[in-house]
N, C-alpha and C. Protein backbone atom coordinates (compact mmCIF):
# COMPACT_ATOMS: atom_id res chain seq x y z
N UNK A 1 0.85 -1.17 0.00
CA UNK A 1 0.00 0.00 0.00
C UNK A 1 0.90 1.24 0.00
N UNK A 2 0.47 2.27 -0.70
CA UNK A 2 1.28 3.47 -0.82
C UNK A 2 0.82 4.53 0.17
N UNK A 3 1.69 5.50 0.39
CA UNK A 3 1.39 6.62 1.27
C UNK A 3 1.22 7.86 0.42
N UNK A 4 0.20 8.63 0.74
CA UNK A 4 -0.09 9.86 0.01
C UNK A 4 -0.10 11.01 1.01
N UNK A 5 0.69 12.02 0.74
CA UNK A 5 0.71 13.21 1.58
C UNK A 5 -0.02 14.32 0.85
N UNK A 6 -0.86 15.05 1.56
CA UNK A 6 -1.60 16.15 0.96
C UNK A 6 -1.25 17.42 1.72
N UNK A 7 -0.79 18.41 0.99
CA UNK A 7 -0.40 19.68 1.61
C UNK A 7 -1.40 20.77 1.25
N UNK A 8 -1.36 21.83 2.03
CA UNK A 8 -2.16 23.03 1.77
C UNK A 8 -3.66 22.75 1.74
N UNK A 9 -4.10 21.90 2.65
CA UNK A 9 -5.52 21.61 2.76
C UNK A 9 -6.17 22.76 3.53
N UNK A 10 -7.19 23.39 2.96
CA UNK A 10 -7.83 24.51 3.64
C UNK A 10 -8.37 24.09 5.01
N UNK A 11 -8.28 25.01 5.96
CA UNK A 11 -8.76 24.73 7.32
C UNK A 11 -10.20 24.25 7.33
N UNK A 12 -11.04 24.86 6.50
CA UNK A 12 -12.45 24.48 6.46
C UNK A 12 -12.62 23.02 6.05
N UNK A 13 -11.82 22.56 5.12
CA UNK A 13 -11.90 21.16 4.68
C UNK A 13 -11.48 20.23 5.81
N UNK A 14 -10.40 20.56 6.49
CA UNK A 14 -9.92 19.74 7.60
C UNK A 14 -10.98 19.69 8.71
N UNK A 15 -11.58 20.83 9.00
CA UNK A 15 -12.61 20.88 10.05
C UNK A 15 -13.80 20.01 9.70
N UNK A 16 -14.21 20.04 8.44
CA UNK A 16 -15.35 19.21 8.02
C UNK A 16 -15.00 17.73 8.07
N UNK A 17 -13.78 17.40 7.69
CA UNK A 17 -13.34 16.01 7.78
C UNK A 17 -13.30 15.55 9.24
N UNK A 18 -12.86 16.42 10.13
CA UNK A 18 -12.84 16.10 11.56
C UNK A 18 -14.26 15.89 12.07
N UNK A 19 -15.19 16.72 11.62
CA UNK A 19 -16.59 16.56 12.03
C UNK A 19 -17.16 15.24 11.54
N UNK A 20 -16.88 14.90 10.27
CA UNK A 20 -17.34 13.62 9.74
C UNK A 20 -16.78 12.45 10.52
N UNK A 21 -15.50 12.52 10.82
CA UNK A 21 -14.84 11.45 11.58
C UNK A 21 -15.47 11.30 12.96
N UNK A 22 -15.70 12.41 13.62
CA UNK A 22 -16.31 12.36 14.95
C UNK A 22 -17.71 11.77 14.88
N UNK A 23 -18.47 12.17 13.88
CA UNK A 23 -19.83 11.67 13.71
C UNK A 23 -19.84 10.17 13.44
N UNK A 24 -18.85 9.70 12.68
CA UNK A 24 -18.78 8.27 12.34
C UNK A 24 -18.02 7.46 13.38
N UNK A 25 -17.43 8.14 14.36
CA UNK A 25 -16.65 7.43 15.37
C UNK A 25 -15.39 6.82 14.78
N UNK A 26 -14.81 7.51 13.81
CA UNK A 26 -13.60 7.00 13.17
C UNK A 26 -12.55 8.10 13.11
N UNK A 27 -11.44 7.79 12.48
CA UNK A 27 -10.36 8.77 12.37
C UNK A 27 -10.52 9.60 11.10
N UNK A 28 -9.85 10.74 11.08
CA UNK A 28 -9.83 11.57 9.87
C UNK A 28 -9.21 10.77 8.73
N UNK A 29 -8.17 10.02 9.03
CA UNK A 29 -7.53 9.20 8.01
C UNK A 29 -8.52 8.23 7.37
N UNK A 30 -9.35 7.58 8.18
CA UNK A 30 -10.34 6.63 7.66
C UNK A 30 -11.36 7.34 6.78
N UNK A 31 -11.79 8.51 7.19
CA UNK A 31 -12.76 9.28 6.40
C UNK A 31 -12.15 9.70 5.07
N UNK A 32 -10.92 10.18 5.10
CA UNK A 32 -10.24 10.60 3.88
C UNK A 32 -10.06 9.42 2.93
N UNK A 33 -9.66 8.27 3.46
CA UNK A 33 -9.51 7.08 2.62
C UNK A 33 -10.83 6.68 1.96
N UNK A 34 -11.91 6.74 2.73
CA UNK A 34 -13.22 6.40 2.20
C UNK A 34 -13.62 7.36 1.08
N UNK A 35 -13.40 8.66 1.30
CA UNK A 35 -13.76 9.66 0.29
C UNK A 35 -12.89 9.54 -0.96
N UNK A 36 -11.61 9.29 -0.79
CA UNK A 36 -10.72 9.12 -1.94
C UNK A 36 -11.10 7.88 -2.74
N UNK A 37 -11.42 6.79 -2.06
CA UNK A 37 -11.83 5.57 -2.75
C UNK A 37 -13.12 5.80 -3.53
N UNK A 38 -14.05 6.53 -2.94
CA UNK A 38 -15.30 6.84 -3.62
C UNK A 38 -15.05 7.69 -4.87
N UNK A 39 -14.20 8.69 -4.74
CA UNK A 39 -13.87 9.55 -5.88
C UNK A 39 -13.17 8.75 -6.97
N UNK A 40 -12.29 7.85 -6.59
CA UNK A 40 -11.56 7.04 -7.56
C UNK A 40 -12.51 6.11 -8.33
N UNK A 41 -13.52 5.57 -7.64
CA UNK A 41 -14.49 4.70 -8.32
C UNK A 41 -15.30 5.49 -9.34
N UNK A 42 -15.63 6.73 -9.03
CA UNK A 42 -16.43 7.55 -9.95
C UNK A 42 -15.70 7.88 -11.24
N UNK A 43 -14.38 7.79 -11.26
CA UNK A 43 -13.65 8.12 -12.48
C UNK A 43 -13.98 7.15 -13.60
N UNK A 44 -14.49 5.98 -13.28
CA UNK A 44 -14.84 4.99 -14.30
C UNK A 44 -16.29 5.09 -14.74
N UNK A 45 -17.08 5.98 -14.13
CA UNK A 45 -18.50 6.04 -14.46
C UNK A 45 -18.76 6.29 -15.94
N UNK A 46 -18.05 7.23 -16.55
CA UNK A 46 -18.27 7.54 -17.97
C UNK A 46 -17.92 6.33 -18.83
N UNK A 47 -16.83 5.66 -18.50
CA UNK A 47 -16.41 4.47 -19.24
C UNK A 47 -17.46 3.37 -19.15
N UNK A 48 -17.98 3.16 -17.96
CA UNK A 48 -19.01 2.13 -17.75
C UNK A 48 -20.28 2.51 -18.50
N UNK A 49 -20.68 3.77 -18.39
CA UNK A 49 -21.89 4.25 -19.07
C UNK A 49 -21.76 4.07 -20.58
N UNK A 50 -20.61 4.44 -21.13
CA UNK A 50 -20.40 4.32 -22.57
C UNK A 50 -20.41 2.87 -23.04
N UNK A 51 -20.10 1.93 -22.16
CA UNK A 51 -20.06 0.52 -22.55
C UNK A 51 -21.44 -0.14 -22.53
N UNK A 52 -22.44 0.54 -21.97
CA UNK A 52 -23.78 -0.03 -21.90
C UNK A 52 -24.45 -0.01 -23.27
N UNK A 53 -25.25 -1.02 -23.57
CA UNK A 53 -25.92 -1.03 -24.88
C UNK A 53 -27.02 0.03 -24.93
N UNK A 54 -27.23 0.57 -26.11
CA UNK A 54 -28.30 1.54 -26.30
C UNK A 54 -29.63 0.79 -26.35
N UNK A 55 -30.62 1.30 -25.65
CA UNK A 55 -31.94 0.68 -25.65
C UNK A 55 -32.87 1.33 -26.66
N UNK A 56 -32.38 2.37 -27.31
CA UNK A 56 -33.20 3.05 -28.32
C UNK A 56 -34.31 3.88 -27.71
N UNK A 57 -34.18 4.22 -26.46
CA UNK A 57 -35.19 5.04 -25.78
C UNK A 57 -34.53 6.36 -25.42
N UNK A 58 -35.17 7.45 -25.82
CA UNK A 58 -34.58 8.76 -25.55
C UNK A 58 -34.89 9.20 -24.12
N UNK A 59 -34.14 10.15 -23.65
CA UNK A 59 -34.40 10.71 -22.31
C UNK A 59 -35.78 11.35 -22.27
N UNK A 60 -36.16 11.98 -23.37
CA UNK A 60 -37.48 12.62 -23.44
C UNK A 60 -38.60 11.58 -23.30
N UNK A 61 -38.45 10.43 -23.98
CA UNK A 61 -39.45 9.36 -23.86
C UNK A 61 -39.53 8.84 -22.43
N UNK A 62 -38.39 8.70 -21.80
CA UNK A 62 -38.35 8.21 -20.43
C UNK A 62 -39.05 9.19 -19.50
N UNK A 63 -38.74 10.48 -19.64
CA UNK A 63 -39.37 11.49 -18.79
C UNK A 63 -40.87 11.56 -19.04
N UNK A 64 -41.28 11.45 -20.29
CA UNK A 64 -42.70 11.48 -20.62
C UNK A 64 -43.41 10.30 -19.96
N UNK A 65 -42.83 9.12 -20.01
CA UNK A 65 -43.44 7.94 -19.39
C UNK A 65 -43.54 8.10 -17.88
N UNK A 66 -42.53 8.68 -17.27
CA UNK A 66 -42.56 8.93 -15.83
C UNK A 66 -43.69 9.90 -15.49
N UNK A 67 -43.77 10.99 -16.25
CA UNK A 67 -44.83 11.99 -16.02
C UNK A 67 -46.22 11.38 -16.19
N UNK A 68 -46.40 10.55 -17.22
CA UNK A 68 -47.69 9.90 -17.44
C UNK A 68 -48.03 8.97 -16.29
N UNK A 69 -47.05 8.23 -15.80
CA UNK A 69 -47.28 7.34 -14.67
C UNK A 69 -47.67 8.10 -13.42
N UNK A 70 -47.03 9.22 -13.20
CA UNK A 70 -47.35 10.03 -12.02
C UNK A 70 -48.73 10.64 -12.15
N UNK A 71 -49.12 11.02 -13.35
CA UNK A 71 -50.42 11.65 -13.57
C UNK A 71 -51.56 10.66 -13.30
N UNK A 72 -51.31 9.37 -13.48
CA UNK A 72 -52.34 8.35 -13.26
C UNK A 72 -52.56 8.04 -11.79
N UNK A 73 -51.71 8.51 -10.93
CA UNK A 73 -51.85 8.19 -9.50
C UNK A 73 -53.02 8.88 -8.89
């Protein structure tokens, strides 16, 4: 496992990380690792989305169907 040092972190960011850690009963390090892992996973979202097959349904058709379903309630 590698070590990553981060410099010049704004005080406000550190304070919020400390608050999150306290709320979760964990360390700032654990919170930062969790957030970094989450951000790293999101970098593949566009690649995954682009690999999905097209269903031939437009966003407009989807929204229209949702609106029609809601109107029937």
